[in-house]
């Protein structure tokens, strides 16, 4: 039996390189607001971006106070986004749009 695999997320790189590559694409997207790339990479980036921001929104709504929520969101952003300025941009500008 042939089990179907999701070929969308295959970028023909190794597992570690794919993770770093997608994080780098996400950081560039946050930094500039737009990105020029291939259609396959754009689909992967869209899926990763949606998952990233939905995780941030769920984490933000889980805690009672705003300080606790922001603290946990900052942990997630630091684990995903390269660069301090881009991380601040996500927390201060992009996250309030999704709430």
PDB file of N, CA and C in Angstrom:
ATOM      1  N   UNK A   1       0.846  -1.173   0.000  1.00  0.00           N
ATOM      2  CA  UNK A   1       0.000   0.000   0.000  1.00  0.00           C
ATOM      3  C   UNK A   1       0.893   1.239   0.000  1.00  0.00           C
ATOM      4  N   UNK A   2       0.534   2.157  -0.838  1.00  0.00           N
ATOM      5  CA  UNK A   2       1.322   3.386  -0.936  1.00  0.00           C
ATOM      6  C   UNK A   2       0.683   4.463  -0.072  1.00  0.00           C
ATOM      7  N   UNK A   3       1.399   4.872   0.941  1.00  0.00           N
ATOM      8  CA  UNK A   3       0.893   5.929   1.805  1.00  0.00           C
ATOM      9  C   UNK A   3       1.296   7.268   1.206  1.00  0.00           C
ATOM     10  N   UNK A   4       0.329   8.102   1.047  1.00  0.00           N
ATOM     11  CA  UNK A   4       0.610   9.406   0.449  1.00  0.00           C
ATOM     12  C   UNK A   4       1.297  10.308   1.464  1.00  0.00           C
ATOM     13  N   UNK A   5       2.254  11.039   0.970  1.00  0.00           N
ATOM     14  CA  UNK A   5       2.949  11.989   1.825  1.00  0.00           C
ATOM     15  C   UNK A   5       2.676  13.389   1.296  1.00  0.00           C
ATOM     16  N   UNK A   6       2.811  14.346   2.165  1.00  0.00           N
ATOM     17  CA  UNK A   6       2.570  15.725   1.778  1.00  0.00           C
ATOM     18  C   UNK A   6       3.817  16.267   1.090  1.00  0.00           C
ATOM     19  N   UNK A   7       3.777  16.330  -0.230  1.00  0.00           N
ATOM     20  CA  UNK A   7       4.933  16.798  -0.993  1.00  0.00           C
ATOM     21  C   UNK A   7       5.083  18.308  -0.912  1.00  0.00           C
ATOM     22  N   UNK A   8       4.072  18.983  -0.377  1.00  0.00           N
ATOM     23  CA  UNK A   8       4.127  20.433  -0.277  1.00  0.00           C
ATOM     24  C   UNK A   8       5.267  20.885   0.617  1.00  0.00           C
ATOM     25  N   UNK A   9       5.467  20.196   1.731  1.00  0.00           N
ATOM     26  CA  UNK A   9       6.457  20.642   2.702  1.00  0.00           C
ATOM     27  C   UNK A   9       7.860  20.147   2.395  1.00  0.00           C
ATOM     28  N   UNK A  10       8.055  19.452   1.278  1.00  0.00           N
ATOM     29  CA  UNK A  10       9.385  18.978   0.926  1.00  0.00           C
ATOM     30  C   UNK A  10      10.090  20.030   0.080  1.00  0.00           C
ATOM     31  N   UNK A  11      11.171  20.545   0.579  1.00  0.00           N
ATOM     32  CA  UNK A  11      11.935  21.558  -0.145  1.00  0.00           C
ATOM     33  C   UNK A  11      13.266  21.022  -0.650  1.00  0.00           C
ATOM     34  N   UNK A  12      13.407  19.705  -0.681  1.00  0.00           N
ATOM     35  CA  UNK A  12      14.635  19.058  -1.144  1.00  0.00           C
ATOM     36  C   UNK A  12      15.862  19.528  -0.378  1.00  0.00           C
ATOM     37  N   UNK A  13      15.695  19.706   0.914  1.00  0.00           N
ATOM     38  CA  UNK A  13      16.812  20.004   1.798  1.00  0.00           C
ATOM     39  C   UNK A  13      16.724  19.022   2.955  1.00  0.00           C
ATOM     40  N   UNK A  14      17.750  18.992   3.767  1.00  0.00           N
ATOM     41  CA  UNK A  14      17.705  18.142   4.943  1.00  0.00           C
ATOM     42  C   UNK A  14      16.726  18.698   5.963  1.00  0.00           C
ATOM     43  N   UNK A  15      16.445  17.927   6.994  1.00  0.00           N
ATOM     44  CA  UNK A  15      15.461  18.343   7.991  1.00  0.00           C
ATOM     45  C   UNK A  15      15.910  19.595   8.740  1.00  0.00           C
ATOM     46  N   UNK A  16      17.169  19.620   9.172  1.00  0.00           N
ATOM     47  CA  UNK A  16      17.662  20.792   9.900  1.00  0.00           C
ATOM     48  C   UNK A  16      17.755  22.004   8.982  1.00  0.00           C
ATOM     49  N   UNK A  17      18.219  21.784   7.773  1.00  0.00           N
ATOM     50  CA  UNK A  17      18.353  22.888   6.832  1.00  0.00           C
ATOM     51  C   UNK A  17      16.986  23.451   6.451  1.00  0.00           C
ATOM     52  N   UNK A  18      15.979  22.590   6.334  1.00  0.00           N
ATOM     53  CA  UNK A  18      14.628  23.048   6.002  1.00  0.00           C
ATOM     54  C   UNK A  18      14.083  23.930   7.110  1.00  0.00           C
ATOM     55  N   UNK A  19      14.291  23.531   8.353  1.00  0.00           N
ATOM     56  CA  UNK A  19      13.802  24.307   9.489  1.00  0.00           C
ATOM     57  C   UNK A  19      14.451  25.688   9.516  1.00  0.00           C
ATOM     58  N   UNK A  20      15.746  25.740   9.341  1.00  0.00           N
ATOM     59  CA  UNK A  20      16.455  27.017   9.337  1.00  0.00           C
ATOM     60  C   UNK A  20      16.040  27.844   8.121  1.00  0.00           C
ATOM     61  N   UNK A  21      15.866  27.194   6.991  1.00  0.00           N
ATOM     62  CA  UNK A  21      15.483  27.897   5.770  1.00  0.00           C
ATOM     63  C   UNK A  21      14.103  28.540   5.907  1.00  0.00           C
ATOM     64  N   UNK A  22      13.155  27.810   6.463  1.00  0.00           N
ATOM     65  CA  UNK A  22      11.800  28.343   6.640  1.00  0.00           C
ATOM     66  C   UNK A  22      11.803  29.461   7.678  1.00  0.00           C
ATOM     67  N   UNK A  23      12.576  29.305   8.739  1.00  0.00           N
ATOM     68  CA  UNK A  23      12.678  30.382   9.734  1.00  0.00           C
ATOM     69  C   UNK A  23      13.281  31.636   9.119  1.00  0.00           C
ATOM     70  N   UNK A  24      14.267  31.450   8.238  1.00  0.00           N
ATOM     71  CA  UNK A  24      14.884  32.583   7.562  1.00  0.00           C
ATOM     72  C   UNK A  24      13.891  33.267   6.622  1.00  0.00           C
ATOM     73  N   UNK A  25      13.091  32.482   5.890  1.00  0.00           N
ATOM     74  CA  UNK A  25      12.053  33.057   5.038  1.00  0.00           C
ATOM     75  C   UNK A  25      11.037  33.833   5.869  1.00  0.00           C
ATOM     76  N   UNK A  26      10.635  33.267   6.997  1.00  0.00           N
ATOM     77  CA  UNK A  26       9.663  33.924   7.870  1.00  0.00           C
ATOM     78  C   UNK A  26      10.232  35.223   8.432  1.00  0.00           C
ATOM     79  N   UNK A  27      11.497  35.216   8.810  1.00  0.00           N
ATOM     80  CA  UNK A  27      12.134  36.432   9.317  1.00  0.00           C
ATOM     81  C   UNK A  27      12.201  37.503   8.235  1.00  0.00           C
ATOM     82  N   UNK A  28      12.546  37.112   7.025  1.00  0.00           N
ATOM     83  CA  UNK A  28      12.596  38.077   5.924  1.00  0.00           C
ATOM     84  C   UNK A  28      11.215  38.636   5.624  1.00  0.00           C
ATOM     85  N   UNK A  29      10.203  37.791   5.707  1.00  0.00           N
ATOM     86  CA  UNK A  29       8.832  38.244   5.465  1.00  0.00           C
ATOM     87  C   UNK A  29       8.394  39.248   6.523  1.00  0.00           C
ATOM     88  N   UNK A  30       8.726  38.980   7.775  1.00  0.00           N
ATOM     89  CA  UNK A  30       8.372  39.905   8.857  1.00  0.00           C
ATOM     90  C   UNK A  30       9.133  41.218   8.703  1.00  0.00           C
ATOM     91  N   UNK A  31      10.381  41.127   8.303  1.00  0.00           N
ATOM     92  CA  UNK A  31      11.234  42.313   8.191  1.00  0.00           C
ATOM     93  C   UNK A  31      10.741  43.272   7.107  1.00  0.00           C
ATOM     94  N   UNK A  32      10.408  42.738   5.931  1.00  0.00           N
ATOM     95  CA  UNK A  32      10.063  43.589   4.797  1.00  0.00           C
ATOM     96  C   UNK A  32       8.567  43.708   4.543  1.00  0.00           C
ATOM     97  N   UNK A  33       7.796  42.746   4.986  1.00  0.00           N
ATOM     98  CA  UNK A  33       6.360  42.773   4.731  1.00  0.00           C
ATOM     99  C   UNK A  33       5.962  42.064   3.455  1.00  0.00           C
ATOM    100  N   UNK A  34       6.901  41.798   2.588  1.00  0.00           N
ATOM    101  CA  UNK A  34       6.650  41.039   1.369  1.00  0.00           C
ATOM    102  C   UNK A  34       7.925  40.300   0.996  1.00  0.00           C
ATOM    103  N   UNK A  35       7.771  39.291   0.135  1.00  0.00           N
ATOM    104  CA  UNK A  35       8.928  38.478  -0.206  1.00  0.00           C
ATOM    105  C   UNK A  35       8.753  37.955  -1.631  1.00  0.00           C
ATOM    106  N   UNK A  36       9.841  37.804  -2.359  1.00  0.00           N
ATOM    107  CA  UNK A  36       9.825  37.240  -3.699  1.00  0.00           C
ATOM    108  C   UNK A  36      10.492  35.877  -3.631  1.00  0.00           C
ATOM    109  N   UNK A  37       9.739  34.840  -4.000  1.00  0.00           N
ATOM    110  CA  UNK A  37      10.259  33.482  -3.913  1.00  0.00           C
ATOM    111  C   UNK A  37       9.508  32.599  -4.901  1.00  0.00           C
ATOM    112  N   UNK A  38       9.842  31.323  -4.939  1.00  0.00           N
ATOM    113  CA  UNK A  38       9.176  30.390  -5.843  1.00  0.00           C
ATOM    114  C   UNK A  38       7.797  30.035  -5.293  1.00  0.00           C
ATOM    115  N   UNK A  39       6.892  29.554  -6.146  1.00  0.00           N
ATOM    116  CA  UNK A  39       5.546  29.200  -5.662  1.00  0.00           C
ATOM    117  C   UNK A  39       5.547  28.111  -4.592  1.00  0.00           C
ATOM    118  N   UNK A  40       6.417  27.117  -4.734  1.00  0.00           N
ATOM    119  CA  UNK A  40       6.450  26.040  -3.747  1.00  0.00           C
ATOM    120  C   UNK A  40       6.928  26.552  -2.392  1.00  0.00           C
ATOM    121  N   UNK A  41       7.959  27.365  -2.399  1.00  0.00           N
ATOM    122  CA  UNK A  41       8.448  27.942  -1.146  1.00  0.00           C
ATOM    123  C   UNK A  41       7.416  28.885  -0.547  1.00  0.00           C
ATOM    124  N   UNK A  42       6.677  29.580  -1.395  1.00  0.00           N
ATOM    125  CA  UNK A  42       5.636  30.484  -0.900  1.00  0.00           C
ATOM    126  C   UNK A  42       4.525  29.704  -0.202  1.00  0.00           C
ATOM    127  N   UNK A  43       4.165  28.548  -0.735  1.00  0.00           N
ATOM    128  CA  UNK A  43       3.133  27.721  -0.094  1.00  0.00           C
ATOM    129  C   UNK A  43       3.604  27.219   1.265  1.00  0.00           C
ATOM    130  N   UNK A  44       4.854  26.807   1.332  1.00  0.00           N
ATOM    131  CA  UNK A  44       5.408  26.347   2.605  1.00  0.00           C
ATOM    132  C   UNK A  44       5.468  27.508   3.593  1.00  0.00           C
ATOM    133  N   UNK A  45       5.896  28.676   3.128  1.00  0.00           N
ATOM    134  CA  UNK A  45       5.969  29.857   3.988  1.00  0.00           C
ATOM    135  C   UNK A  45       4.588  30.254   4.489  1.00  0.00           C
ATOM    136  N   UNK A  46       3.579  30.175   3.636  1.00  0.00           N
ATOM    137  CA  UNK A  46       2.220  30.526   4.049  1.00  0.00           C
ATOM    138  C   UNK A  46       1.731  29.585   5.140  1.00  0.00           C
ATOM    139  N   UNK A  47       1.978  28.294   4.966  1.00  0.00           N
ATOM    140  CA  UNK A  47       1.558  27.320   5.975  1.00  0.00           C
ATOM    141  C   UNK A  47       2.274  27.566   7.300  1.00  0.00           C
ATOM    142  N   UNK A  48       3.577  27.806   7.249  1.00  0.00           N
ATOM    143  CA  UNK A  48       4.342  28.051   8.473  1.00  0.00           C
ATOM    144  C   UNK A  48       3.935  29.361   9.143  1.00  0.00           C
ATOM    145  N   UNK A  49       3.650  30.390   8.346  1.00  0.00           N
ATOM    146  CA  UNK A  49       3.231  31.681   8.899  1.00  0.00           C
ATOM    147  C   UNK A  49       1.882  31.560   9.588  1.00  0.00           C
ATOM    148  N   UNK A  50       0.948  30.858   8.950  1.00  0.00           N
ATOM    149  CA  UNK A  50      -0.365  30.658   9.568  1.00  0.00           C
ATOM    150  C   UNK A  50      -0.249  29.891  10.879  1.00  0.00           C
ATOM    151  N   UNK A  51       0.579  28.854  10.882  1.00  0.00           N
ATOM    152  CA  UNK A  51       0.760  28.072  12.107  1.00  0.00           C
ATOM    153  C   UNK A  51       1.423  28.911  13.198  1.00  0.00           C
ATOM    154  N   UNK A  52       2.394  29.722  12.826  1.00  0.00           N
ATOM    155  CA  UNK A  52       3.114  30.567  13.785  1.00  0.00           C
ATOM    156  C   UNK A  52       2.174  31.572  14.442  1.00  0.00           C
ATOM    157  N   UNK A  53       1.400  32.283  13.633  1.00  0.00           N
ATOM    158  CA  UNK A  53       0.527  33.303  14.202  1.00  0.00           C
ATOM    159  C   UNK A  53      -0.668  32.701  14.945  1.00  0.00           C
ATOM    160  N   UNK A  54      -1.162  31.551  14.510  1.00  0.00           N
ATOM    161  CA  UNK A  54      -2.244  30.918  15.269  1.00  0.00           C
ATOM    162  C   UNK A  54      -1.738  30.430  16.621  1.00  0.00           C
ATOM    163  N   UNK A  55      -0.491  29.959  16.671  1.00  0.00           N
ATOM    164  CA  UNK A  55       0.105  29.557  17.945  1.00  0.00           C
ATOM    165  C   UNK A  55       0.268  30.756  18.870  1.00  0.00           C
ATOM    166  N   UNK A  56       0.676  31.905  18.308  1.00  0.00           N
ATOM    167  CA  UNK A  56       0.805  33.118  19.116  1.00  0.00           C
ATOM    168  C   UNK A  56      -0.543  33.570  19.670  1.00  0.00           C
ATOM    169  N   UNK A  57      -1.581  33.528  18.845  1.00  0.00           N
ATOM    170  CA  UNK A  57      -2.908  33.968  19.289  1.00  0.00           C
ATOM    171  C   UNK A  57      -3.443  33.044  20.376  1.00  0.00           C
ATOM    172  N   UNK A  58      -3.269  31.742  20.208  1.00  0.00           N
ATOM    173  CA  UNK A  58      -3.718  30.787  21.235  1.00  0.00           C
ATOM    174  C   UNK A  58      -2.967  31.003  22.543  1.00  0.00           C
ATOM    175  N   UNK A  59      -1.674  31.218  22.451  1.00  0.00           N
ATOM    176  CA  UNK A  59      -0.871  31.448  23.655  1.00  0.00           C
ATOM    177  C   UNK A  59      -1.275  32.743  24.332  1.00  0.00           C
ATOM    178  N   UNK A  60      -1.518  33.776  23.557  1.00  0.00           N
ATOM    179  CA  UNK A  60      -1.887  35.079  24.119  1.00  0.00           C
ATOM    180  C   UNK A  60      -3.224  34.997  24.853  1.00  0.00           C
ATOM    181  N   UNK A  61      -4.165  34.247  24.304  1.00  0.00           N
ATOM    182  CA  UNK A  61      -5.497  34.177  24.923  1.00  0.00           C
ATOM    183  C   UNK A  61      -5.552  33.201  26.094  1.00  0.00           C
ATOM    184  N   UNK A  62      -4.518  32.415  26.292  1.00  0.00           N
ATOM    185  CA  UNK A  62      -4.518  31.410  27.346  1.00  0.00           C
ATOM    186  C   UNK A  62      -4.311  32.001  28.739  1.00  0.00           C
ATOM    187  N   UNK A  63      -3.604  33.124  28.844  1.00  0.00           N
ATOM    188  CA  UNK A  63      -3.232  33.673  30.148  1.00  0.00           C
ATOM    189  C   UNK A  63      -4.153  34.811  30.559  1.00  0.00           C
ATOM    190  N   UNK A  64      -4.212  35.061  31.872  1.00  0.00           N
ATOM    191  CA  UNK A  64      -5.139  36.046  32.418  1.00  0.00           C
ATOM    192  C   UNK A  64      -4.661  37.477  32.223  1.00  0.00           C
ATOM    193  N   UNK A  65      -3.412  37.741  32.533  1.00  0.00           N
ATOM    194  CA  UNK A  65      -2.919  39.112  32.449  1.00  0.00           C
ATOM    195  C   UNK A  65      -2.161  39.330  31.139  1.00  0.00           C
ATOM    196  N   UNK A  66      -2.071  40.583  30.760  1.00  0.00           N
ATOM    197  CA  UNK A  66      -1.383  40.924  29.517  1.00  0.00           C
ATOM    198  C   UNK A  66       0.120  40.687  29.629  1.00  0.00           C
ATOM    199  N   UNK A  67       0.679  40.914  30.810  1.00  0.00           N
ATOM    200  CA  UNK A  67       2.120  40.720  31.003  1.00  0.00           C
ATOM    201  C   UNK A  67       2.507  39.252  30.831  1.00  0.00           C
ATOM    202  N   UNK A  68       1.718  38.344  31.409  1.00  0.00           N
ATOM    203  CA  UNK A  68       1.998  36.909  31.252  1.00  0.00           C
ATOM    204  C   UNK A  68       1.863  36.490  29.793  1.00  0.00           C
ATOM    205  N   UNK A  69       0.838  37.001  29.134  1.00  0.00           N
ATOM    206  CA  UNK A  69       0.612  36.651  27.732  1.00  0.00           C
ATOM    207  C   UNK A  69       1.774  37.099  26.857  1.00  0.00           C
ATOM    208  N   UNK A  70       2.205  38.335  27.041  1.00  0.00           N
ATOM    209  CA  UNK A  70       3.314  38.844  26.230  1.00  0.00           C
ATOM    210  C   UNK A  70       4.605  38.093  26.515  1.00  0.00           C
ATOM    211  N   UNK A  71       4.829  37.736  27.772  1.00  0.00           N
ATOM    212  CA  UNK A  71       6.041  37.007  28.138  1.00  0.00           C
ATOM    213  C   UNK A  71       6.097  35.670  27.401  1.00  0.00           C
ATOM    214  N   UNK A  72       4.994  34.956  27.376  1.00  0.00           N
ATOM    215  CA  UNK A  72       4.974  33.660  26.700  1.00  0.00           C
ATOM    216  C   UNK A  72       5.083  33.816  25.185  1.00  0.00           C
ATOM    217  N   UNK A  73       4.460  34.845  24.638  1.00  0.00           N
ATOM    218  CA  UNK A  73       4.564  35.092  23.198  1.00  0.00           C
ATOM    219  C   UNK A  73       5.991  35.454  22.803  1.00  0.00           C
ATOM    220  N   UNK A  74       6.673  36.197  23.650  1.00  0.00           N
ATOM    221  CA  UNK A  74       8.065  36.560  23.368  1.00  0.00           C
ATOM    222  C   UNK A  74       8.944  35.313  23.326  1.00  0.00           C
ATOM    223  N   UNK A  75       8.670  34.341  24.199  1.00  0.00           N
ATOM    224  CA  UNK A  75       9.432  33.085  24.172  1.00  0.00           C
ATOM    225  C   UNK A  75       9.263  32.374  22.834  1.00  0.00           C
ATOM    226  N   UNK A  76       8.024  32.333  22.335  1.00  0.00           N
ATOM    227  CA  UNK A  76       7.756  31.663  21.058  1.00  0.00           C
ATOM    228  C   UNK A  76       8.431  32.408  19.912  1.00  0.00           C
ATOM    229  N   UNK A  77       8.347  33.732  19.942  1.00  0.00           N
ATOM    230  CA  UNK A  77       8.944  34.538  18.876  1.00  0.00           C
ATOM    231  C   UNK A  77      10.457  34.383  18.867  1.00  0.00           C
ATOM    232  N   UNK A  78      11.088  34.382  20.030  1.00  0.00           N
ATOM    233  CA  UNK A  78      12.546  34.222  20.095  1.00  0.00           C
ATOM    234  C   UNK A  78      12.984  32.855  19.584  1.00  0.00           C
ATOM    235  N   UNK A  79      12.140  31.842  19.755  1.00  0.00           N
ATOM    236  CA  UNK A  79      12.486  30.504  19.289  1.00  0.00           C
ATOM    237  C   UNK A  79      12.304  30.360  17.778  1.00  0.00           C
ATOM    238  N   UNK A  80      11.552  31.270  17.168  1.00  0.00           N
ATOM    239  CA  UNK A  80      11.236  31.126  15.753  1.00  0.00           C
ATOM    240  C   UNK A  80      11.896  32.177  14.872  1.00  0.00           C
ATOM    241  N   UNK A  81      11.847  33.427  15.272  1.00  0.00           N
ATOM    242  CA  UNK A  81      12.301  34.539  14.438  1.00  0.00           C
ATOM    243  C   UNK A  81      13.763  34.860  14.741  1.00  0.00           C
ATOM    244  N   UNK A  82      14.550  35.093  13.684  1.00  0.00           N
ATOM    245  CA  UNK A  82      15.930  35.536  13.835  1.00  0.00           C
ATOM    246  C   UNK A  82      15.936  37.057  13.942  1.00  0.00           C
ATOM    247  N   UNK A  83      16.632  37.599  14.914  1.00  0.00           N
ATOM    248  CA  UNK A  83      16.776  39.048  15.031  1.00  0.00           C
ATOM    249  C   UNK A  83      15.845  39.647  16.061  1.00  0.00           C
ATOM    250  N   UNK A  84      16.397  40.544  16.861  1.00  0.00           N
ATOM    251  CA  UNK A  84      15.618  41.164  17.933  1.00  0.00           C
ATOM    252  C   UNK A  84      14.630  42.189  17.386  1.00  0.00           C
ATOM    253  N   UNK A  85      15.043  42.959  16.386  1.00  0.00           N
ATOM    254  CA  UNK A  85      14.166  43.992  15.824  1.00  0.00           C
ATOM    255  C   UNK A  85      12.936  43.368  15.165  1.00  0.00           C
ATOM    256  N   UNK A  86      13.127  42.249  14.470  1.00  0.00           N
ATOM    257  CA  UNK A  86      12.010  41.573  13.825  1.00  0.00           C
ATOM    258  C   UNK A  86      11.061  40.976  14.860  1.00  0.00           C
ATOM    259  N   UNK A  87      11.622  40.462  15.958  1.00  0.00           N
ATOM    260  CA  UNK A  87      10.789  39.931  17.035  1.00  0.00           C
ATOM    261  C   UNK A  87       9.930  41.007  17.673  1.00  0.00           C
ATOM    262  N   UNK A  88      10.522  42.176  17.891  1.00  0.00           N
ATOM    263  CA  UNK A  88       9.749  43.285  18.448  1.00  0.00           C
ATOM    264  C   UNK A  88       8.648  43.719  17.490  1.00  0.00           C
ATOM    265  N   UNK A  89       8.945  43.676  16.200  1.00  0.00           N
ATOM    266  CA  UNK A  89       7.945  44.058  15.201  1.00  0.00           C
ATOM    267  C   UNK A  89       6.757  43.100  15.231  1.00  0.00           C
ATOM    268  N   UNK A  90       7.030  41.812  15.413  1.00  0.00           N
ATOM    269  CA  UNK A  90       5.942  40.834  15.502  1.00  0.00           C
ATOM    270  C   UNK A  90       5.073  41.118  16.717  1.00  0.00           C
ATOM    271  N   UNK A  91       5.696  41.337  17.873  1.00  0.00           N
ATOM    272  CA  UNK A  91       4.945  41.538  19.117  1.00  0.00           C
ATOM    273  C   UNK A  91       4.181  42.858  19.111  1.00  0.00           C
ATOM    274  N   UNK A  92       4.812  43.927  18.661  1.00  0.00           N
ATOM    275  CA  UNK A  92       4.198  45.251  18.772  1.00  0.00           C
ATOM    276  C   UNK A  92       3.261  45.606  17.619  1.00  0.00           C
ATOM    277  N   UNK A  93       3.552  45.138  16.398  1.00  0.00           N
ATOM    278  CA  UNK A  93       2.754  45.549  15.250  1.00  0.00           C
ATOM    279  C   UNK A  93       1.846  44.450  14.710  1.00  0.00           C
ATOM    280  N   UNK A  94       2.379  43.237  14.530  1.00  0.00           N
ATOM    281  CA  UNK A  94       1.621  42.203  13.838  1.00  0.00           C
ATOM    282  C   UNK A  94       0.663  41.449  14.749  1.00  0.00           C
ATOM    283  N   UNK A  95       1.074  41.166  15.972  1.00  0.00           N
ATOM    284  CA  UNK A  95       0.215  40.399  16.881  1.00  0.00           C
ATOM    285  C   UNK A  95      -1.090  41.118  17.202  1.00  0.00           C
ATOM    286  N   UNK A  96      -1.096  42.434  17.476  1.00  0.00           N
ATOM    287  CA  UNK A  96      -2.384  43.103  17.740  1.00  0.00           C
ATOM    288  C   UNK A  96      -3.364  43.046  16.567  1.00  0.00           C
ATOM    289  N   UNK A  97      -2.864  42.907  15.338  1.00  0.00           N
ATOM    290  CA  UNK A  97      -3.757  42.787  14.178  1.00  0.00           C
ATOM    291  C   UNK A  97      -4.535  41.476  14.202  1.00  0.00           C
ATOM    292  N   UNK A  98      -3.939  40.429  14.762  1.00  0.00           N
ATOM    293  CA  UNK A  98      -4.569  39.112  14.783  1.00  0.00           C
ATOM    294  C   UNK A  98      -5.453  38.895  16.000  1.00  0.00           C
ATOM    295  N   UNK A  99      -5.374  39.757  16.995  1.00  0.00           N
ATOM    296  CA  UNK A  99      -6.178  39.590  18.208  1.00  0.00           C
ATOM    297  C   UNK A  99      -7.563  40.165  18.052  1.00  0.00           C
TER     298      UNK A  99
END
